[in-house]
Amino acid sequence: RDSLGESWNQRLDELRQYKEENGNCLVPSRYPPNPELGVWVGTQRTQHRLYQRLQEDGAAGVLPGQSSAMNEDRVRQLGELGFVW
């Protein structure tokens, strides 16, 4: 059972709902109706930057042993939704 993956998918569903209601994926970092979603959106941007650095040769600016929760499938899913990195 992948509880982290399940919570990621739950937030993705919440982001889909946000987009249906607001027409975009620009959730404010302080979003009173769903504070967790606002934090999650910021975390996705941070994880994406780290993921990109890890993919680059040499991984400059990345600490030894550092990893990212982001992956190609998540990048694709967020991109298809119109997520702004």
C-alpha atoms as a PDB file:
ATOM      1  CA  ARG A   1       0.000   0.000   0.000  1.00  0.00           C
ATOM      2  CA  ASP A   2       1.414   3.351  -1.080  1.00  0.00           C
ATOM      3  CA  SER A   3      -0.076   5.882   1.329  1.00  0.00           C
ATOM      4  CA  LEU A   4       2.149   8.686  -0.016  1.00  0.00           C
ATOM      5  CA  GLY A   5       1.048   7.877  -3.552  1.00  0.00           C
ATOM      6  CA  GLU A   6      -2.575   7.775  -2.441  1.00  0.00           C
ATOM      7  CA  SER A   7      -2.318  11.175  -0.763  1.00  0.00           C
ATOM      8  CA  TRP A   8      -0.595  12.565  -3.878  1.00  0.00           C
ATOM      9  CA  ASN A   9      -3.481  11.290  -6.018  1.00  0.00           C
ATOM     10  CA  GLN A  10      -6.000  12.754  -3.573  1.00  0.00           C
ATOM     11  CA  ARG A  11      -4.358  16.187  -3.837  1.00  0.00           C
ATOM     12  CA  LEU A  12      -4.275  15.842  -7.630  1.00  0.00           C
ATOM     13  CA  ASP A  13      -8.036  15.226  -7.559  1.00  0.00           C
ATOM     14  CA  GLU A  14      -8.466  18.282  -5.331  1.00  0.00           C
ATOM     15  CA  LEU A  15      -6.398  20.299  -7.822  1.00  0.00           C
ATOM     16  CA  ARG A  16      -8.674  19.097 -10.649  1.00  0.00           C
ATOM     17  CA  GLN A  17     -11.677  20.286  -8.637  1.00  0.00           C
ATOM     18  CA  TYR A  18      -9.965  23.632  -7.980  1.00  0.00           C
ATOM     19  CA  LYS A  19      -9.355  24.042 -11.716  1.00  0.00           C
ATOM     20  CA  GLU A  20     -12.993  23.233 -12.521  1.00  0.00           C
ATOM     21  CA  GLU A  21     -14.100  25.918 -10.088  1.00  0.00           C
ATOM     22  CA  ASN A  22     -11.440  28.560 -10.849  1.00  0.00           C
ATOM     23  CA  GLY A  23     -10.296  27.880 -14.423  1.00  0.00           C
ATOM     24  CA  ASN A  24      -6.617  27.479 -13.489  1.00  0.00           C
ATOM     25  CA  CYS A  25      -4.206  25.616 -11.217  1.00  0.00           C
ATOM     26  CA  LEU A  26      -2.878  28.717  -9.465  1.00  0.00           C
ATOM     27  CA  VAL A  27      -3.801  27.733  -5.912  1.00  0.00           C
ATOM     28  CA  PRO A  28      -2.604  30.382  -3.436  1.00  0.00           C
ATOM     29  CA  SER A  29      -0.083  29.141  -0.885  1.00  0.00           C
ATOM     30  CA  ARG A  30      -2.555  30.308   1.777  1.00  0.00           C
ATOM     31  CA  TYR A  31      -5.871  28.914   0.588  1.00  0.00           C
ATOM     32  CA  PRO A  32      -8.376  28.863   3.488  1.00  0.00           C
ATOM     33  CA  PRO A  33     -10.884  26.434   1.898  1.00  0.00           C
ATOM     34  CA  ASN A  34      -8.118  23.806   1.597  1.00  0.00           C
ATOM     35  CA  PRO A  35      -4.835  24.830   3.276  1.00  0.00           C
ATOM     36  CA  GLU A  36      -3.228  21.451   2.504  1.00  0.00           C
ATOM     37  CA  LEU A  37      -3.780  21.952  -1.237  1.00  0.00           C
ATOM     38  CA  GLY A  38      -2.042  25.332  -1.176  1.00  0.00           C
ATOM     39  CA  VAL A  39       0.984  23.818   0.574  1.00  0.00           C
ATOM     40  CA  TRP A  40       0.942  20.781  -1.757  1.00  0.00           C
ATOM     41  CA  VAL A  41       1.022  22.942  -4.891  1.00  0.00           C
ATOM     42  CA  GLY A  42       4.105  24.779  -3.600  1.00  0.00           C
ATOM     43  CA  THR A  43       5.722  21.459  -2.708  1.00  0.00           C
ATOM     44  CA  GLN A  44       5.156  20.161  -6.255  1.00  0.00           C
ATOM     45  CA  ARG A  45       7.008  23.162  -7.667  1.00  0.00           C
ATOM     46  CA  THR A  46       9.903  22.618  -5.238  1.00  0.00           C
ATOM     47  CA  GLN A  47      10.051  18.888  -5.976  1.00  0.00           C
ATOM     48  CA  HIS A  48       9.962  19.597  -9.726  1.00  0.00           C
ATOM     49  CA  ARG A  49      12.946  21.950  -9.495  1.00  0.00           C
ATOM     50  CA  LEU A  50      14.865  19.330  -7.490  1.00  0.00           C
ATOM     51  CA  TYR A  51      13.828  16.602  -9.949  1.00  0.00           C
ATOM     52  CA  GLN A  52      15.126  18.679 -12.858  1.00  0.00           C
ATOM     53  CA  ARG A  53      18.465  19.284 -11.112  1.00  0.00           C
ATOM     54  CA  LEU A  54      18.807  15.563 -10.365  1.00  0.00           C
ATOM     55  CA  GLN A  55      18.220  14.782 -14.056  1.00  0.00           C
ATOM     56  CA  GLU A  56      20.976  17.140 -15.182  1.00  0.00           C
ATOM     57  CA  ASP A  57      24.543  15.927 -15.547  1.00  0.00           C
ATOM     58  CA  GLY A  58      26.482  16.552 -12.376  1.00  0.00           C
ATOM     59  CA  ALA A  59      23.374  17.515 -10.388  1.00  0.00           C
ATOM     60  CA  ALA A  60      24.952  20.804  -9.279  1.00  0.00           C
ATOM     61  CA  GLY A  61      23.349  22.257  -6.181  1.00  0.00           C
ATOM     62  CA  VAL A  62      21.959  18.916  -4.997  1.00  0.00           C
ATOM     63  CA  LEU A  63      23.094  17.486  -1.678  1.00  0.00           C
ATOM     64  CA  PRO A  64      24.449  13.908  -1.570  1.00  0.00           C
ATOM     65  CA  GLY A  65      21.639  11.445  -0.999  1.00  0.00           C
ATOM     66  CA  GLN A  66      18.980  14.007  -1.879  1.00  0.00           C
ATOM     67  CA  SER A  67      16.046  12.715  -3.913  1.00  0.00           C
ATOM     68  CA  SER A  68      12.775  13.996  -5.286  1.00  0.00           C
ATOM     69  CA  ALA A  69       9.239  12.675  -4.926  1.00  0.00           C
ATOM     70  CA  MET A  70       8.601  13.958  -8.466  1.00  0.00           C
ATOM     71  CA  ASN A  71       8.718  11.596 -11.434  1.00  0.00           C
ATOM     72  CA  GLU A  72       7.877  11.661 -15.145  1.00  0.00           C
ATOM     73  CA  ASP A  73       4.339  10.380 -14.588  1.00  0.00           C
ATOM     74  CA  ARG A  74       3.586  13.108 -12.058  1.00  0.00           C
ATOM     75  CA  VAL A  75       5.130  15.764 -14.306  1.00  0.00           C
ATOM     76  CA  ARG A  76       2.902  14.506 -17.136  1.00  0.00           C
ATOM     77  CA  GLN A  77      -0.270  14.450 -15.029  1.00  0.00           C
ATOM     78  CA  LEU A  78       0.289  17.943 -13.683  1.00  0.00           C
ATOM     79  CA  GLY A  79       1.247  19.223 -17.134  1.00  0.00           C
ATOM     80  CA  GLU A  80      -1.920  17.812 -18.681  1.00  0.00           C
ATOM     81  CA  LEU A  81      -3.904  19.703 -16.059  1.00  0.00           C
ATOM     82  CA  GLY A  82      -2.184  22.974 -17.017  1.00  0.00           C
ATOM     83  CA  PHE A  83      -0.046  23.204 -13.889  1.00  0.00           C
ATOM     84  CA  VAL A  84       2.227  26.264 -13.821  1.00  0.00           C
ATOM     85  CA  TRP A  85       5.708  25.283 -12.654  1.00  0.00           C
END
